[in-house]
C-alpha atoms as a PDB file:
ATOM      1  CA  SER A   1      53.306 133.153 -16.606  1.00  0.00           C
ATOM      2  CA  THR A   2      50.537 131.699 -14.748  1.00  0.00           C
ATOM      3  CA  ALA A   3      47.455 133.159 -16.886  1.00  0.00           C
ATOM      4  CA  ALA A   4      48.644 131.719 -19.763  1.00  0.00           C
ATOM      5  CA  THR A   5      47.267 128.786 -20.857  1.00  0.00           C
ATOM      6  CA  TYR A   6      49.071 128.349 -23.962  1.00  0.00           C
ATOM      7  CA  ILE A   7      52.680 127.863 -24.296  1.00  0.00           C
ATOM      8  CA  ILE A   8      55.118 128.243 -26.773  1.00  0.00           C
ATOM      9  CA  GLY A   9      58.532 126.584 -26.735  1.00  0.00           C
ATOM     10  CA  ASN A  10      61.187 128.362 -29.681  1.00  0.00           C
ATOM     11  CA  LYS A  11      64.697 127.848 -29.813  1.00  0.00           C
ATOM     12  CA  GLY A  12      67.375 126.302 -31.781  1.00  0.00           C
ATOM     13  CA  SER A  13      68.958 125.048 -28.435  1.00  0.00           C
ATOM     14  CA  ALA A  14      67.941 123.022 -24.844  1.00  0.00           C
ATOM     15  CA  LEU A  15      65.122 125.560 -23.351  1.00  0.00           C
ATOM     16  CA  ALA A  16      63.893 124.626 -19.553  1.00  0.00           C
ATOM     17  CA  VAL A  17      60.672 125.458 -17.867  1.00  0.00           C
ATOM     18  CA  GLY A  18      58.598 125.552 -14.557  1.00  0.00           C
ATOM     19  CA  LEU A  19      55.190 124.669 -13.921  1.00  0.00           C
ATOM     20  CA  LEU A  20      53.986 125.636 -11.020  1.00  0.00           C
ATOM     21  CA  ASP A  21      50.585 124.393  -9.125  1.00  0.00           C
ATOM     22  CA  GLY A  22      48.238 124.865 -10.291  1.00  0.00           C
ATOM     23  CA  THR A  23      45.105 127.426  -8.436  1.00  0.00           C
ATOM     24  CA  THR A  24      42.018 125.877  -9.569  1.00  0.00           C
ATOM     25  CA  VAL A  25      41.417 122.078  -9.723  1.00  0.00           C
ATOM     26  CA  GLY A  26      40.698 122.006 -13.704  1.00  0.00           C
ATOM     27  CA  GLU A  27      43.204 124.411 -14.792  1.00  0.00           C
ATOM     28  CA  TYR A  28      45.390 123.090 -17.871  1.00  0.00           C
ATOM     29  CA  LYS A  29      48.832 123.793 -19.816  1.00  0.00           C
ATOM     30  CA  ILE A  30      49.099 123.513 -23.557  1.00  0.00           C
ATOM     31  CA  PHE A  31      52.287 122.928 -23.954  1.00  0.00           C
ATOM     32  CA  THR A  32      54.497 123.043 -28.002  1.00  0.00           C
ATOM     33  CA  ASN A  33      57.555 122.717 -29.095  1.00  0.00           C
ATOM     34  CA  LYS A  34      58.967 124.241 -32.593  1.00  0.00           C
ATOM     35  CA  GLY A  35      62.210 124.927 -31.873  1.00  0.00           C
ATOM     36  CA  ALA A  36      65.516 122.174 -32.426  1.00  0.00           C
ATOM     37  CA  GLY A  37      66.172 122.114 -28.716  1.00  0.00           C
ATOM     38  CA  ALA A  38      64.536 119.762 -26.477  1.00  0.00           C
ATOM     39  CA  MET A  39      61.855 121.763 -23.953  1.00  0.00           C
ATOM     40  CA  THR A  40      61.961 120.458 -20.646  1.00  0.00           C
ATOM     41  CA  VAL A  41      59.087 121.019 -18.025  1.00  0.00           C
ATOM     42  CA  THR A  42      59.482 120.949 -15.317  1.00  0.00           C
ATOM     43  CA  PRO A  43      55.957 120.928 -12.826  1.00  0.00           C
ATOM     44  CA  THR A  44      56.858 121.661  -9.275  1.00  0.00           C
ATOM     45  CA  ASN A  45      54.586 119.196  -8.739  1.00  0.00           C
ATOM     46  CA  PHE A  46      53.880 116.311 -11.334  1.00  0.00           C
ATOM     47  CA  ALA A  47      52.231 112.819 -10.454  1.00  0.00           C
ATOM     48  CA  GLN A  48      54.122 111.359 -13.158  1.00  0.00           C
ATOM     49  CA  GLY A  49      57.483 111.872 -12.455  1.00  0.00           C
ATOM     50  CA  THR A  50      59.994 115.152 -12.253  1.00  0.00           C
ATOM     51  CA  SER A  51      60.250 116.584 -15.396  1.00  0.00           C
ATOM     52  CA  PHE A  52      58.971 116.078 -19.040  1.00  0.00           C
ATOM     53  CA  ALA A  53      60.531 116.801 -22.800  1.00  0.00           C
ATOM     54  CA  LEU A  54      59.315 117.511 -25.616  1.00  0.00           C
ATOM     55  CA  ALA A  55      60.366 117.680 -29.370  1.00  0.00           C
ATOM     56  CA  GLN A  56      60.525 119.816 -31.698  1.00  0.00           C
ATOM     57  CA  PHE A  57      57.154 119.702 -33.355  1.00  0.00           C
ATOM     58  CA  ASP A  58      55.765 118.354 -30.303  1.00  0.00           C
ATOM     59  CA  GLY A  59      53.068 119.525 -28.240  1.00  0.00           C
ATOM     60  CA  CYS A  60      50.750 117.497 -24.983  1.00  0.00           C
ATOM     61  CA  THR A  61      48.133 118.514 -22.610  1.00  0.00           C
ATOM     62  CA  CYS A  62      48.877 119.016 -18.385  1.00  0.00           C
ATOM     63  CA  ILE A  63      45.974 119.118 -15.807  1.00  0.00           C
ATOM     64  CA  TRP A  64      45.774 119.954 -12.268  1.00  0.00           C
ATOM     65  CA  ASP A  65      44.182 118.252  -9.737  1.00  0.00           C
ATOM     66  CA  GLY A  66      44.510 120.357  -7.092  1.00  0.00           C
ATOM     67  CA  THR A  67      47.665 118.347  -6.278  1.00  0.00           C
ATOM     68  CA  ASN A  68      49.276 117.869  -8.920  1.00  0.00           C
ATOM     69  CA  TRP A  69      50.060 118.254 -12.532  1.00  0.00           C
ATOM     70  CA  TYR A  70      48.864 115.018 -14.830  1.00  0.00           C
ATOM     71  CA  LEU A  71      50.749 114.671 -18.525  1.00  0.00           C
ATOM     72  CA  VAL A  72      46.683 113.407 -20.097  1.00  0.00           C
ATOM     73  CA  GLY A  73      48.155 113.917 -23.623  1.00  0.00           C
ATOM     74  CA  ASN A  74      50.663 114.017 -26.052  1.00  0.00           C
ATOM     75  CA  GLN A  75      51.656 114.371 -29.888  1.00  0.00           C
ATOM     76  CA  GLY A  76      54.378 112.851 -31.328  1.00  0.00           C
ATOM     77  CA  GLU A  77      56.984 112.082 -28.827  1.00  0.00           C
ATOM     78  CA  VAL A  78      57.145 113.158 -25.017  1.00  0.00           C
ATOM     79  CA  THR A  79      59.902 112.503 -22.974  1.00  0.00           C
ATOM     80  CA  LEU A  80      58.434 111.600 -18.404  1.00  0.00           C
ATOM     81  CA  ALA A  81      61.910 111.492 -16.098  1.00  0.00           C
END
């Protein structure tokens, strides 16, 4: 949902999540993954690559600068691709 700030992954197998461009500079999203399957997030525009993956019990924050999403904080092991 473009209206949601907090996105929770909770799946036993791999989970693919798309992240559309933000609508307001400074908009942020918080991701957590409760499920055993890796949660791979693919932003439409991502400054640091094409996607990032969260293992079970990991979390991170992204912020929109008007052009790209930036991964600005994480807890655990986030894998960039």
